[in-house]
Amino acid sequence: MRVHKVTFAALAVAASLSLTACQNDKDGTAKSEPSTASSTSSSAGGSDSGGSDQDSGKDSAGKSSGGQGTAAGTGSNENGKVAKCRTDELEITAKDNTIDGDPDGTVAVQLTNRGGRDCALSGYAGVDLKTGAGSLSAKRTGQQADPTVLKDGASTAFGITYPINTSGGSGVRVTGLLVTPPDETKTVTLDWPGAGTLPVTDSPDSPVKVGPVGSAGQGG
């Protein structure tokens, strides 16, 4: 019996709603009002979407990160901004730049634009040392990275500093250098031109530091 009571009550409510709807249609006084919440949400969503699209097209220098140059030698993308430098457009070399008397060794990494167009380069390159004990990532110095427009054929550089092994022990052998230009994912493998070993340390922090692109070859 309880089931029948619930069913009858539901039917009564449905009938009441149906009658009300018919009356509203008849006299035309009941009209659906626009949803204020839906309108606000839609407007806000459109604004956020536009802002997100604009931000996603910029690199750390505030320059457009999308698209290749529209013409050789100009480096401009469809928005008229100088497109970022790609790994394949850069000739990357490394050399020992240690100064006598410095407590740390220094390696200068040079990036030369061979892409046939101007390109934008800013920030920190990814730097990893290949060692006999595995890969060792360099830590950023925190120095401010100034945006640079690298003309076709022009060069810029950054420095890597590392502790010199004066312990008298064999240390950690360095076997190579991995460099990934800023805002890129393709890595270039180079010979390591610095000292052959690093001192063994128990510190969890990397003893190798890297300066921003454009810094004097001392790693900041």
C-alpha atoms as a PDB file:
ATOM      1  CA  MET A   1       0.000   0.000   0.000  1.00  0.00           C
ATOM      2  CA  ARG A   2       2.820   2.387   0.714  1.00  0.00           C
ATOM      3  CA  VAL A   3       4.047   1.986  -2.828  1.00  0.00           C
ATOM      4  CA  HIS A   4       0.631   2.937  -4.207  1.00  0.00           C
ATOM      5  CA  LYS A   5       0.486   6.049  -2.002  1.00  0.00           C
ATOM      6  CA  VAL A   6       3.836   7.291  -3.295  1.00  0.00           C
ATOM      7  CA  THR A   7       2.727   6.685  -6.874  1.00  0.00           C
ATOM      8  CA  PHE A   8      -0.517   8.532  -6.443  1.00  0.00           C
ATOM      9  CA  ALA A   9       1.225  11.479  -4.821  1.00  0.00           C
ATOM     10  CA  ALA A  10       3.650  11.720  -7.718  1.00  0.00           C
ATOM     11  CA  LEU A  11       0.785  11.668 -10.196  1.00  0.00           C
ATOM     12  CA  ALA A  12      -1.014  14.407  -8.288  1.00  0.00           C
ATOM     13  CA  VAL A  13       2.053  16.634  -8.371  1.00  0.00           C
ATOM     14  CA  ALA A  14       2.533  16.018 -12.097  1.00  0.00           C
ATOM     15  CA  ALA A  15      -1.092  16.854 -12.779  1.00  0.00           C
ATOM     16  CA  SER A  16      -0.839  20.064 -10.781  1.00  0.00           C
ATOM     17  CA  LEU A  17       2.245  21.134 -12.725  1.00  0.00           C
ATOM     18  CA  SER A  18       0.553  20.324 -16.012  1.00  0.00           C
ATOM     19  CA  LEU A  19      -2.484  22.420 -15.073  1.00  0.00           C
ATOM     20  CA  THR A  20      -0.295  25.359 -14.047  1.00  0.00           C
ATOM     21  CA  ALA A  21       1.604  25.180 -17.343  1.00  0.00           C
ATOM     22  CA  CYS A  22      -1.625  25.237 -19.309  1.00  0.00           C
ATOM     23  CA  GLN A  23      -2.866  28.283 -17.415  1.00  0.00           C
ATOM     24  CA  ASN A  24       0.404  30.118 -18.004  1.00  0.00           C
ATOM     25  CA  ASP A  25       0.246  29.381 -21.705  1.00  0.00           C
ATOM     26  CA  LYS A  26      -3.313  30.600 -21.826  1.00  0.00           C
ATOM     27  CA  ASP A  27      -2.936  34.010 -20.253  1.00  0.00           C
ATOM     28  CA  GLY A  28       0.706  34.540 -21.426  1.00  0.00           C
ATOM     29  CA  THR A  29       1.801  36.059 -18.125  1.00  0.00           C
ATOM     30  CA  ALA A  30       4.443  33.418 -17.226  1.00  0.00           C
ATOM     31  CA  LYS A  31       7.625  33.791 -19.227  1.00  0.00           C
ATOM     32  CA  SER A  32      10.989  32.129 -18.758  1.00  0.00           C
ATOM     33  CA  GLU A  33      13.643  34.545 -17.506  1.00  0.00           C
ATOM     34  CA  PRO A  34      17.221  34.320 -18.741  1.00  0.00           C
ATOM     35  CA  SER A  35      19.664  32.653 -16.405  1.00  0.00           C
ATOM     36  CA  THR A  36      21.960  35.327 -14.968  1.00  0.00           C
ATOM     37  CA  ALA A  37      24.497  32.715 -13.813  1.00  0.00           C
ATOM     38  CA  SER A  38      24.774  31.162 -17.295  1.00  0.00           C
ATOM     39  CA  SER A  39      25.300  34.511 -18.979  1.00  0.00           C
ATOM     40  CA  THR A  40      28.019  35.520 -16.535  1.00  0.00           C
ATOM     41  CA  SER A  41      29.760  32.186 -16.805  1.00  0.00           C
ATOM     42  CA  SER A  42      29.751  32.275 -20.589  1.00  0.00           C
ATOM     43  CA  SER A  43      31.141  35.793 -20.682  1.00  0.00           C
ATOM     44  CA  ALA A  44      33.876  35.010 -18.175  1.00  0.00           C
ATOM     45  CA  GLY A  45      34.801  31.836 -20.007  1.00  0.00           C
ATOM     46  CA  GLY A  46      35.270  33.681 -23.272  1.00  0.00           C
ATOM     47  CA  SER A  47      37.559  36.217 -21.638  1.00  0.00           C
ATOM     48  CA  ASP A  48      39.652  33.574 -19.879  1.00  0.00           C
ATOM     49  CA  SER A  49      40.008  31.551 -23.055  1.00  0.00           C
ATOM     50  CA  GLY A  50      41.356  34.508 -24.974  1.00  0.00           C
ATOM     51  CA  GLY A  51      43.839  35.366 -22.263  1.00  0.00           C
ATOM     52  CA  SER A  52      45.067  31.787 -22.087  1.00  0.00           C
ATOM     53  CA  ASP A  53      45.618  31.610 -25.837  1.00  0.00           C
ATOM     54  CA  GLN A  54      47.664  34.788 -25.762  1.00  0.00           C
ATOM     55  CA  ASP A  55      49.803  33.691 -22.844  1.00  0.00           C
ATOM     56  CA  SER A  56      50.499  30.263 -24.324  1.00  0.00           C
ATOM     57  CA  GLY A  57      52.044  31.869 -27.389  1.00  0.00           C
ATOM     58  CA  LYS A  58      54.741  33.686 -25.473  1.00  0.00           C
ATOM     59  CA  ASP A  59      58.069  32.575 -24.163  1.00  0.00           C
ATOM     60  CA  SER A  60      59.865  33.772 -21.022  1.00  0.00           C
ATOM     61  CA  ALA A  61      61.028  36.877 -22.865  1.00  0.00           C
ATOM     62  CA  GLY A  62      57.488  37.919 -23.669  1.00  0.00           C
ATOM     63  CA  LYS A  63      58.027  37.088 -27.323  1.00  0.00           C
ATOM     64  CA  SER A  64      55.933  34.836 -29.470  1.00  0.00           C
ATOM     65  CA  SER A  65      57.135  31.269 -29.222  1.00  0.00           C
ATOM     66  CA  GLY A  66      55.104  29.854 -32.083  1.00  0.00           C
ATOM     67  CA  GLY A  67      55.861  29.586 -35.784  1.00  0.00           C
ATOM     68  CA  GLN A  68      58.907  29.867 -37.955  1.00  0.00           C
ATOM     69  CA  GLY A  69      60.027  32.982 -39.759  1.00  0.00           C
ATOM     70  CA  THR A  70      57.804  33.955 -42.648  1.00  0.00           C
ATOM     71  CA  ALA A  71      60.786  34.847 -44.812  1.00  0.00           C
ATOM     72  CA  ALA A  72      64.467  34.000 -44.691  1.00  0.00           C
ATOM     73  CA  GLY A  73      66.452  36.701 -42.948  1.00  0.00           C
ATOM     74  CA  THR A  74      63.480  38.320 -41.195  1.00  0.00           C
ATOM     75  CA  GLY A  75      62.674  35.818 -38.435  1.00  0.00           C
ATOM     76  CA  SER A  76      59.185  37.318 -38.017  1.00  0.00           C
ATOM     77  CA  ASN A  77      56.206  35.066 -37.442  1.00  0.00           C
ATOM     78  CA  GLU A  78      52.610  35.767 -38.440  1.00  0.00           C
ATOM     79  CA  ASN A  79      52.210  38.174 -35.506  1.00  0.00           C
ATOM     80  CA  GLY A  80      55.199  40.257 -36.561  1.00  0.00           C
ATOM     81  CA  LYS A  81      57.254  39.057 -33.580  1.00  0.00           C
ATOM     82  CA  VAL A  82      60.712  37.540 -33.806  1.00  0.00           C
ATOM     83  CA  ALA A  83      60.329  33.768 -33.484  1.00  0.00           C
ATOM     84  CA  LYS A  84      62.448  31.878 -30.970  1.00  0.00           C
ATOM     85  CA  CYS A  85      65.686  30.159 -31.911  1.00  0.00           C
ATOM     86  CA  ARG A  86      65.380  26.447 -32.615  1.00  0.00           C
ATOM     87  CA  THR A  87      68.011  23.896 -31.699  1.00  0.00           C
ATOM     88  CA  ASP A  88      68.517  22.930 -35.349  1.00  0.00           C
ATOM     89  CA  GLU A  89      69.264  26.565 -36.225  1.00  0.00           C
ATOM     90  CA  LEU A  90      72.011  26.939 -33.644  1.00  0.00           C
ATOM     91  CA  GLU A  91      75.649  25.921 -33.860  1.00  0.00           C
ATOM     92  CA  ILE A  92      76.601  25.079 -30.280  1.00  0.00           C
ATOM     93  CA  THR A  93      80.218  24.781 -29.127  1.00  0.00           C
ATOM     94  CA  ALA A  94      81.947  24.644 -25.746  1.00  0.00           C
ATOM     95  CA  LYS A  95      85.443  25.586 -24.611  1.00  0.00           C
ATOM     96  CA  ASP A  96      87.401  25.800 -21.378  1.00  0.00           C
ATOM     97  CA  ASN A  97      87.282  29.356 -20.026  1.00  0.00           C
ATOM     98  CA  THR A  98      88.862  28.886 -16.627  1.00  0.00           C
ATOM     99  CA  ILE A  99      90.817  31.874 -15.336  1.00  0.00           C
ATOM    100  CA  ASP A 100      94.004  31.218 -13.377  1.00  0.00           C
ATOM    101  CA  GLY A 101      93.478  31.809  -9.701  1.00  0.00           C
ATOM    102  CA  ASP A 102      89.720  31.164  -9.738  1.00  0.00           C
ATOM    103  CA  PRO A 103      88.570  28.563  -7.189  1.00  0.00           C
ATOM    104  CA  ASP A 104      86.179  27.064  -9.728  1.00  0.00           C
ATOM    105  CA  GLY A 105      86.568  25.888 -13.299  1.00  0.00           C
ATOM    106  CA  THR A 106      84.554  27.531 -16.087  1.00  0.00           C
ATOM    107  CA  VAL A 107      83.266  26.314 -19.428  1.00  0.00           C
ATOM    108  CA  ALA A 108      81.851  28.800 -21.941  1.00  0.00           C
ATOM    109  CA  VAL A 109      79.108  27.545 -24.243  1.00  0.00           C
ATOM    110  CA  GLN A 110      78.618  29.553 -27.437  1.00  0.00           C
ATOM    111  CA  LEU A 111      75.437  29.569 -29.528  1.00  0.00           C
ATOM    112  CA  THR A 112      75.697  30.868 -33.101  1.00  0.00           C
ATOM    113  CA  ASN A 113      72.643  31.541 -35.244  1.00  0.00           C
ATOM    114  CA  ARG A 114      72.913  29.568 -38.505  1.00  0.00           C
ATOM    115  CA  GLY A 115      69.190  29.588 -39.330  1.00  0.00           C
ATOM    116  CA  GLY A 116      69.254  32.229 -42.061  1.00  0.00           C
ATOM    117  CA  ARG A 117      66.939  34.507 -40.059  1.00  0.00           C
ATOM    118  CA  ASP A 118      66.934  36.529 -36.865  1.00  0.00           C
ATOM    119  CA  CYS A 119      65.615  34.671 -33.825  1.00  0.00           C
ATOM    120  CA  ALA A 120      64.862  35.339 -30.165  1.00  0.00           C
ATOM    121  CA  LEU A 121      66.793  33.689 -27.364  1.00  0.00           C
ATOM    122  CA  SER A 122      66.244  34.239 -23.662  1.00  0.00           C
ATOM    123  CA  GLY A 123      66.544  32.414 -20.366  1.00  0.00           C
ATOM    124  CA  TYR A 124      68.585  29.447 -19.239  1.00  0.00           C
ATOM    125  CA  ALA A 125      69.712  26.524 -21.314  1.00  0.00           C
ATOM    126  CA  GLY A 126      69.339  23.062 -19.887  1.00  0.00           C
ATOM    127  CA  VAL A 127      72.777  21.700 -18.965  1.00  0.00           C
ATOM    128  CA  ASP A 128      73.673  18.186 -17.863  1.00  0.00           C
ATOM    129  CA  LEU A 129      77.074  16.632 -17.370  1.00  0.00           C
ATOM    130  CA  LYS A 130      77.517  12.989 -18.275  1.00  0.00           C
ATOM    131  CA  THR A 131      79.662  11.356 -15.622  1.00  0.00           C
ATOM    132  CA  GLY A 132      80.852   7.925 -14.677  1.00  0.00           C
ATOM    133  CA  ALA A 133      78.261   8.012 -11.882  1.00  0.00           C
ATOM    134  CA  GLY A 134      75.333   9.095 -14.083  1.00  0.00           C
ATOM    135  CA  SER A 135      73.873  12.364 -15.335  1.00  0.00           C
ATOM    136  CA  LEU A 136      74.410  15.519 -13.261  1.00  0.00           C
ATOM    137  CA  SER A 137      72.135  18.523 -13.883  1.00  0.00           C
ATOM    138  CA  ALA A 138      73.535  22.030 -13.505  1.00  0.00           C
ATOM    139  CA  LYS A 139      71.774  24.413 -11.131  1.00  0.00           C
ATOM    140  CA  ARG A 140      70.743  27.893 -12.296  1.00  0.00           C
ATOM    141  CA  THR A 141      72.597  30.822 -10.747  1.00  0.00           C
ATOM    142  CA  GLY A 142      69.421  32.903 -10.478  1.00  0.00           C
ATOM    143  CA  GLN A 143      70.918  35.772 -12.445  1.00  0.00           C
ATOM    144  CA  GLN A 144      68.358  37.750 -14.469  1.00  0.00           C
ATOM    145  CA  ALA A 145      68.023  36.566 -18.049  1.00  0.00           C
ATOM    146  CA  ASP A 146      67.732  39.436 -20.537  1.00  0.00           C
ATOM    147  CA  PRO A 147      65.928  38.788 -23.850  1.00  0.00           C
ATOM    148  CA  THR A 148      68.149  38.777 -26.932  1.00  0.00           C
ATOM    149  CA  VAL A 149      67.408  38.965 -30.642  1.00  0.00           C
ATOM    150  CA  LEU A 150      70.182  36.944 -32.223  1.00  0.00           C
ATOM    151  CA  LYS A 151      70.928  38.201 -35.724  1.00  0.00           C
ATOM    152  CA  ASP A 152      71.664  35.686 -38.442  1.00  0.00           C
ATOM    153  CA  GLY A 153      75.317  34.683 -38.059  1.00  0.00           C
ATOM    154  CA  ALA A 154      75.677  36.338 -34.635  1.00  0.00           C
ATOM    155  CA  SER A 155      76.698  34.557 -31.423  1.00  0.00           C
ATOM    156  CA  THR A 156      75.957  34.685 -27.730  1.00  0.00           C
ATOM    157  CA  ALA A 157      77.265  32.632 -24.818  1.00  0.00           C
ATOM    158  CA  PHE A 158      76.668  31.461 -21.274  1.00  0.00           C
ATOM    159  CA  GLY A 159      78.954  30.037 -18.631  1.00  0.00           C
ATOM    160  CA  ILE A 160      79.089  26.834 -16.629  1.00  0.00           C
ATOM    161  CA  THR A 161      81.029  26.760 -13.364  1.00  0.00           C
ATOM    162  CA  TYR A 162      82.104  23.649 -11.501  1.00  0.00           C
ATOM    163  CA  PRO A 163      84.371  22.779  -8.550  1.00  0.00           C
ATOM    164  CA  ILE A 164      87.913  21.725  -9.382  1.00  0.00           C
ATOM    165  CA  ASN A 165      88.988  18.395  -7.954  1.00  0.00           C
ATOM    166  CA  THR A 166      91.888  19.170  -5.620  1.00  0.00           C
ATOM    167  CA  SER A 167      91.275  16.245  -3.286  1.00  0.00           C
ATOM    168  CA  GLY A 168      94.021  14.123  -4.737  1.00  0.00           C
ATOM    169  CA  GLY A 169      91.526  11.326  -5.310  1.00  0.00           C
ATOM    170  CA  SER A 170      90.193  10.038  -8.593  1.00  0.00           C
ATOM    171  CA  GLY A 171      86.964  12.018  -8.232  1.00  0.00           C
ATOM    172  CA  VAL A 172      83.960  11.681 -10.542  1.00  0.00           C
ATOM    173  CA  ARG A 173      84.931  11.380 -14.205  1.00  0.00           C
ATOM    174  CA  VAL A 174      83.111  13.703 -16.651  1.00  0.00           C
ATOM    175  CA  THR A 175      82.467  12.097 -20.048  1.00  0.00           C
ATOM    176  CA  GLY A 176      80.283  14.592 -21.910  1.00  0.00           C
ATOM    177  CA  LEU A 177      78.113  17.713 -21.928  1.00  0.00           C
ATOM    178  CA  LEU A 178      74.407  17.905 -22.838  1.00  0.00           C
ATOM    179  CA  VAL A 179      72.945  21.295 -23.825  1.00  0.00           C
ATOM    180  CA  THR A 180      69.295  22.103 -24.518  1.00  0.00           C
ATOM    181  CA  PRO A 181      68.644  25.701 -25.712  1.00  0.00           C
ATOM    182  CA  PRO A 182      66.001  27.742 -23.823  1.00  0.00           C
ATOM    183  CA  ASP A 183      62.381  26.776 -24.565  1.00  0.00           C
ATOM    184  CA  GLU A 184      63.514  23.804 -26.629  1.00  0.00           C
ATOM    185  CA  THR A 185      63.370  20.043 -26.097  1.00  0.00           C
ATOM    186  CA  LYS A 186      66.042  18.879 -28.544  1.00  0.00           C
ATOM    187  CA  THR A 187      69.414  18.340 -26.900  1.00  0.00           C
ATOM    188  CA  VAL A 188      72.914  18.589 -28.339  1.00  0.00           C
ATOM    189  CA  THR A 189      75.725  16.358 -27.040  1.00  0.00           C
ATOM    190  CA  LEU A 190      79.195  17.933 -26.837  1.00  0.00           C
ATOM    191  CA  ASP A 191      82.625  16.906 -25.648  1.00  0.00           C
ATOM    192  CA  TRP A 192      83.405  18.200 -22.162  1.00  0.00           C
ATOM    193  CA  PRO A 193      86.286  20.701 -22.470  1.00  0.00           C
ATOM    194  CA  GLY A 194      86.785  21.272 -18.739  1.00  0.00           C
ATOM    195  CA  ALA A 195      88.705  19.355 -16.098  1.00  0.00           C
ATOM    196  CA  GLY A 196      88.379  15.600 -16.381  1.00  0.00           C
ATOM    197  CA  THR A 197      86.947  15.002 -12.912  1.00  0.00           C
ATOM    198  CA  LEU A 198      84.778  16.560 -10.238  1.00  0.00           C
ATOM    199  CA  PRO A 199      85.394  16.151  -6.528  1.00  0.00           C
ATOM    200  CA  VAL A 200      83.276  13.577  -4.735  1.00  0.00           C
ATOM    201  CA  THR A 201      80.672  15.207  -2.472  1.00  0.00           C
ATOM    202  CA  ASP A 202      77.922  14.042  -0.138  1.00  0.00           C
ATOM    203  CA  SER A 203      75.835  17.177  -0.709  1.00  0.00           C
ATOM    204  CA  PRO A 204      72.462  16.605  -2.426  1.00  0.00           C
ATOM    205  CA  ASP A 205      72.820  19.935  -4.274  1.00  0.00           C
ATOM    206  CA  SER A 206      74.528  20.014  -7.639  1.00  0.00           C
ATOM    207  CA  PRO A 207      77.992  21.644  -7.489  1.00  0.00           C
ATOM    208  CA  VAL A 208      77.687  22.604 -11.176  1.00  0.00           C
ATOM    209  CA  LYS A 209      76.046  25.951 -11.974  1.00  0.00           C
ATOM    210  CA  VAL A 210      74.851  27.530 -15.201  1.00  0.00           C
ATOM    211  CA  GLY A 211      74.314  31.203 -16.017  1.00  0.00           C
ATOM    212  CA  PRO A 212      71.666  32.640 -18.343  1.00  0.00           C
ATOM    213  CA  VAL A 213      72.190  33.018 -22.078  1.00  0.00           C
ATOM    214  CA  GLY A 214      74.102  36.248 -22.687  1.00  0.00           C
ATOM    215  CA  SER A 215      76.001  36.176 -19.393  1.00  0.00           C
ATOM    216  CA  ALA A 216      79.776  36.697 -19.427  1.00  0.00           C
ATOM    217  CA  GLY A 217      81.467  33.332 -19.652  1.00  0.00           C
ATOM    218  CA  GLN A 218      81.733  32.916 -15.921  1.00  0.00           C
ATOM    219  CA  GLY A 219      78.345  31.341 -15.317  1.00  0.00           C
ATOM    220  CA  GLY A 220      76.991  34.438 -13.561  1.00  0.00           C
END
